[in-house]
Amino acid sequence: RAVAGVVFIDEDGDGKFDPRKDKPVEGAQIAGGGSLAVSDVNGAYILRNLAAGQIKLLVRSPRGAESSPVILELGVEPVTKRAVNLAA
């Protein structure tokens, strides 16, 4: 199992990433399920090799600000989750 998404500053306040309006965050640390990822220049990240069950995702911006946790339930079977974006 894996979780992928985009860390961004939600400039328009709609909770959804729009590259025309929102600012991706490079260098954010995303932690969850015992895995750690760092967002790239486009704000993209992927956490791999996650166990089934509940995981808590936390994001820390390059400046040290931390997001509210996002709780995900990962099933035994592979599944694609969309719109699991964490605003920094």
N, C-alpha and C. Protein backbone atom coordinates (compact mmCIF):
# COMPACT_ATOMS: atom_id res chain seq x y z
N ARG A 1 0.83 -1.19 0.00
CA ARG A 1 0.00 0.00 0.00
C ARG A 1 0.87 1.25 0.00
N ALA A 2 0.34 2.28 -0.60
CA ALA A 2 1.04 3.56 -0.68
C ALA A 2 0.02 4.69 -0.62
N VAL A 3 0.47 5.84 -0.15
CA VAL A 3 -0.34 7.05 -0.13
C VAL A 3 0.47 8.13 -0.84
N ALA A 4 -0.16 8.80 -1.79
CA ALA A 4 0.49 9.88 -2.53
C ALA A 4 -0.39 11.11 -2.49
N GLY A 5 0.22 12.26 -2.61
CA GLY A 5 -0.56 13.50 -2.62
C GLY A 5 0.32 14.69 -2.90
N VAL A 6 -0.20 15.86 -2.59
CA VAL A 6 0.50 17.12 -2.83
C VAL A 6 0.39 17.97 -1.57
N VAL A 7 1.51 18.52 -1.14
CA VAL A 7 1.52 19.48 -0.05
C VAL A 7 1.47 20.87 -0.69
N PHE A 8 0.51 21.68 -0.26
CA PHE A 8 0.34 22.98 -0.92
C PHE A 8 -0.23 24.01 0.04
N ILE A 9 -0.05 25.27 -0.33
CA ILE A 9 -0.69 26.38 0.37
C ILE A 9 -1.96 26.69 -0.41
N ASP A 10 -3.08 26.55 0.26
CA ASP A 10 -4.40 26.67 -0.36
C ASP A 10 -4.78 28.14 -0.49
N GLU A 11 -4.28 28.79 -1.52
CA GLU A 11 -4.47 30.23 -1.71
C GLU A 11 -5.93 30.64 -1.87
N ASP A 12 -6.76 29.76 -2.47
CA ASP A 12 -8.16 30.12 -2.69
C ASP A 12 -9.10 29.53 -1.65
N GLY A 13 -8.57 28.77 -0.69
CA GLY A 13 -9.36 28.28 0.44
C GLY A 13 -10.40 27.22 0.11
N ASP A 14 -10.26 26.53 -1.05
CA ASP A 14 -11.27 25.53 -1.40
C ASP A 14 -10.91 24.11 -0.96
N GLY A 15 -9.72 23.92 -0.38
CA GLY A 15 -9.33 22.60 0.10
C GLY A 15 -8.85 21.65 -0.98
N LYS A 16 -8.75 22.13 -2.22
CA LYS A 16 -8.33 21.30 -3.35
C LYS A 16 -7.14 21.95 -4.02
N PHE A 17 -6.20 21.12 -4.48
CA PHE A 17 -5.02 21.66 -5.15
C PHE A 17 -5.33 22.02 -6.59
N ASP A 18 -5.06 23.27 -6.93
CA ASP A 18 -5.18 23.76 -8.30
C ASP A 18 -3.86 24.45 -8.62
N PRO A 19 -3.05 23.86 -9.50
CA PRO A 19 -1.73 24.43 -9.77
C PRO A 19 -1.77 25.85 -10.33
N ARG A 20 -2.91 26.28 -10.86
CA ARG A 20 -3.04 27.64 -11.36
C ARG A 20 -3.25 28.65 -10.25
N LYS A 21 -3.74 28.19 -9.09
CA LYS A 21 -4.08 29.11 -8.00
C LYS A 21 -3.25 28.88 -6.74
N ASP A 22 -2.92 27.62 -6.44
CA ASP A 22 -2.29 27.27 -5.18
C ASP A 22 -0.78 27.12 -5.33
N LYS A 23 -0.08 27.22 -4.23
CA LYS A 23 1.39 27.16 -4.24
C LYS A 23 1.86 25.83 -3.66
N PRO A 24 2.53 24.98 -4.47
CA PRO A 24 3.08 23.73 -3.94
C PRO A 24 4.22 24.03 -2.96
N VAL A 25 4.40 23.13 -1.99
CA VAL A 25 5.44 23.31 -0.98
C VAL A 25 6.53 22.27 -1.20
N GLU A 26 7.71 22.73 -1.57
CA GLU A 26 8.86 21.84 -1.75
C GLU A 26 9.57 21.66 -0.41
N GLY A 27 10.02 20.44 -0.13
CA GLY A 27 10.81 20.17 1.06
C GLY A 27 10.03 19.91 2.33
N ALA A 28 8.71 19.74 2.22
CA ALA A 28 7.91 19.39 3.40
C ALA A 28 8.15 17.92 3.75
N GLN A 29 8.13 17.60 5.03
CA GLN A 29 8.28 16.22 5.48
C GLN A 29 6.90 15.65 5.78
N ILE A 30 6.61 14.48 5.19
CA ILE A 30 5.34 13.81 5.39
C ILE A 30 5.63 12.50 6.09
N ALA A 31 5.02 12.29 7.25
CA ALA A 31 5.25 11.08 8.03
C ALA A 31 3.94 10.35 8.25
N GLY A 32 4.00 9.03 8.16
CA GLY A 32 2.81 8.23 8.42
C GLY A 32 3.11 6.76 8.29
N GLY A 33 2.57 5.96 9.19
CA GLY A 33 2.72 4.52 9.10
C GLY A 33 4.16 4.05 9.18
N GLY A 34 5.02 4.79 9.85
CA GLY A 34 6.42 4.42 9.96
C GLY A 34 7.26 4.80 8.74
N SER A 35 6.67 5.50 7.78
CA SER A 35 7.39 5.93 6.59
C SER A 35 7.54 7.45 6.60
N LEU A 36 8.55 7.92 5.89
CA LEU A 36 8.81 9.35 5.79
C LEU A 36 9.09 9.68 4.34
N ALA A 37 8.52 10.78 3.86
CA ALA A 37 8.77 11.26 2.49
C ALA A 37 9.01 12.76 2.56
N VAL A 38 9.65 13.29 1.52
CA VAL A 38 9.88 14.72 1.40
C VAL A 38 9.27 15.16 0.07
N SER A 39 8.47 16.22 0.11
CA SER A 39 7.80 16.69 -1.11
C SER A 39 8.81 17.28 -2.09
N ASP A 40 8.53 17.07 -3.38
CA ASP A 40 9.41 17.57 -4.43
C ASP A 40 9.04 19.01 -4.80
N VAL A 41 9.64 19.52 -5.86
CA VAL A 41 9.43 20.90 -6.29
C VAL A 41 7.96 21.18 -6.63
N ASN A 42 7.20 20.14 -6.98
CA ASN A 42 5.77 20.28 -7.28
C ASN A 42 4.89 20.00 -6.06
N GLY A 43 5.51 19.80 -4.89
CA GLY A 43 4.76 19.48 -3.68
C GLY A 43 4.35 18.02 -3.57
N ALA A 44 4.70 17.20 -4.57
CA ALA A 44 4.27 15.80 -4.61
C ALA A 44 5.09 14.93 -3.65
N TYR A 45 4.42 13.93 -3.09
CA TYR A 45 5.08 12.97 -2.21
C TYR A 45 4.42 11.61 -2.39
N ILE A 46 5.13 10.56 -1.94
CA ILE A 46 4.54 9.23 -1.88
C ILE A 46 5.15 8.49 -0.69
N LEU A 47 4.28 7.91 0.12
CA LEU A 47 4.69 7.03 1.21
C LEU A 47 4.43 5.61 0.76
N ARG A 48 5.44 4.74 0.81
CA ARG A 48 5.32 3.37 0.31
C ARG A 48 5.42 2.35 1.43
N ASN A 49 5.03 1.13 1.08
CA ASN A 49 5.16 -0.03 1.97
C ASN A 49 4.42 0.16 3.30
N LEU A 50 3.21 0.68 3.21
CA LEU A 50 2.40 0.91 4.40
C LEU A 50 1.59 -0.33 4.74
N ALA A 51 1.44 -0.59 6.02
CA ALA A 51 0.65 -1.72 6.48
C ALA A 51 -0.84 -1.38 6.40
N ALA A 52 -1.66 -2.40 6.31
CA ALA A 52 -3.11 -2.20 6.36
C ALA A 52 -3.49 -1.69 7.74
N GLY A 53 -4.59 -0.96 7.79
CA GLY A 53 -5.07 -0.44 9.06
C GLY A 53 -5.06 1.07 9.06
N GLN A 54 -5.20 1.63 10.25
CA GLN A 54 -5.30 3.08 10.39
C GLN A 54 -3.90 3.69 10.48
N ILE A 55 -3.68 4.74 9.70
CA ILE A 55 -2.43 5.48 9.80
C ILE A 55 -2.75 6.97 9.98
N LYS A 56 -1.83 7.64 10.64
CA LYS A 56 -1.97 9.08 10.86
C LYS A 56 -0.88 9.77 10.05
N LEU A 57 -1.29 10.69 9.17
CA LEU A 57 -0.34 11.47 8.39
C LEU A 57 -0.13 12.82 9.04
N LEU A 58 1.14 13.22 9.12
CA LEU A 58 1.51 14.54 9.62
C LEU A 58 2.45 15.18 8.63
N VAL A 59 2.30 16.47 8.43
CA VAL A 59 3.16 17.22 7.52
C VAL A 59 3.85 18.33 8.30
N ARG A 60 5.16 18.46 8.07
CA ARG A 60 5.93 19.55 8.66
C ARG A 60 6.54 20.34 7.51
N SER A 61 6.24 21.62 7.47
CA SER A 61 6.75 22.48 6.41
C SER A 61 8.26 22.69 6.59
N PRO A 62 8.95 23.14 5.55
CA PRO A 62 10.37 23.43 5.69
C PRO A 62 10.68 24.45 6.79
N ARG A 63 9.71 25.30 7.12
CA ARG A 63 9.89 26.31 8.17
C ARG A 63 9.50 25.80 9.55
N GLY A 64 9.03 24.55 9.63
CA GLY A 64 8.72 23.94 10.92
C GLY A 64 7.27 23.94 11.32
N ALA A 65 6.37 24.54 10.53
CA ALA A 65 4.94 24.51 10.85
C ALA A 65 4.41 23.10 10.64
N GLU A 66 3.55 22.64 11.53
CA GLU A 66 3.00 21.29 11.42
C GLU A 66 1.50 21.34 11.15
N SER A 67 1.05 20.44 10.26
CA SER A 67 -0.36 20.38 9.91
C SER A 67 -1.15 19.64 10.99
N SER A 68 -2.45 19.75 10.92
CA SER A 68 -3.31 18.89 11.72
C SER A 68 -3.20 17.48 11.17
N PRO A 69 -3.28 16.45 12.01
CA PRO A 69 -3.17 15.09 11.49
C PRO A 69 -4.36 14.71 10.61
N VAL A 70 -4.08 13.88 9.62
CA VAL A 70 -5.11 13.30 8.77
C VAL A 70 -5.08 11.80 9.03
N ILE A 71 -6.23 11.22 9.38
CA ILE A 71 -6.32 9.79 9.67
C ILE A 71 -6.87 9.08 8.44
N LEU A 72 -6.15 8.05 7.99
CA LEU A 72 -6.58 7.24 6.85
C LEU A 72 -6.73 5.79 7.28
N GLU A 73 -7.71 5.12 6.72
CA GLU A 73 -7.89 3.69 6.95
C GLU A 73 -7.49 2.98 5.66
N LEU A 74 -6.41 2.20 5.72
CA LEU A 74 -5.93 1.47 4.56
C LEU A 74 -6.37 0.02 4.66
N GLY A 75 -7.11 -0.43 3.65
CA GLY A 75 -7.60 -1.80 3.64
C GLY A 75 -6.53 -2.80 3.26
N VAL A 76 -6.89 -4.06 3.32
CA VAL A 76 -5.96 -5.14 2.98
C VAL A 76 -5.70 -5.14 1.48
N GLU A 77 -6.74 -4.90 0.69
CA GLU A 77 -6.61 -4.88 -0.76
C GLU A 77 -6.11 -3.51 -1.22
N PRO A 78 -5.39 -3.49 -2.34
CA PRO A 78 -4.96 -2.19 -2.89
C PRO A 78 -6.16 -1.33 -3.27
N VAL A 79 -6.03 -0.03 -3.05
CA VAL A 79 -7.09 0.90 -3.40
C VAL A 79 -6.45 2.23 -3.77
N THR A 80 -7.09 2.96 -4.65
CA THR A 80 -6.61 4.29 -5.01
C THR A 80 -7.46 5.31 -4.28
N LYS A 81 -6.81 6.15 -3.49
CA LYS A 81 -7.51 7.23 -2.80
C LYS A 81 -7.13 8.51 -3.47
N ARG A 82 -8.10 9.29 -3.83
CA ARG A 82 -7.84 10.57 -4.48
C ARG A 82 -8.17 11.70 -3.51
N ALA A 83 -7.58 12.84 -3.75
CA ALA A 83 -7.83 14.04 -2.96
C ALA A 83 -7.43 13.88 -1.49
N VAL A 84 -6.33 13.18 -1.25
CA VAL A 84 -5.76 13.10 0.08
C VAL A 84 -4.60 14.09 0.12
N ASN A 85 -4.93 15.36 0.02
CA ASN A 85 -3.93 16.41 0.00
C ASN A 85 -3.87 17.09 1.35
N LEU A 86 -2.66 17.36 1.78
CA LEU A 86 -2.46 17.98 3.07
C LEU A 86 -1.97 19.41 2.88
N ALA A 87 -2.72 20.36 3.32
CA ALA A 87 -2.29 21.76 3.21
C ALA A 87 -1.27 22.03 4.29
N ALA A 88 -0.19 22.67 3.91
CA ALA A 88 0.87 22.97 4.89
C ALA A 88 0.57 24.25 5.64
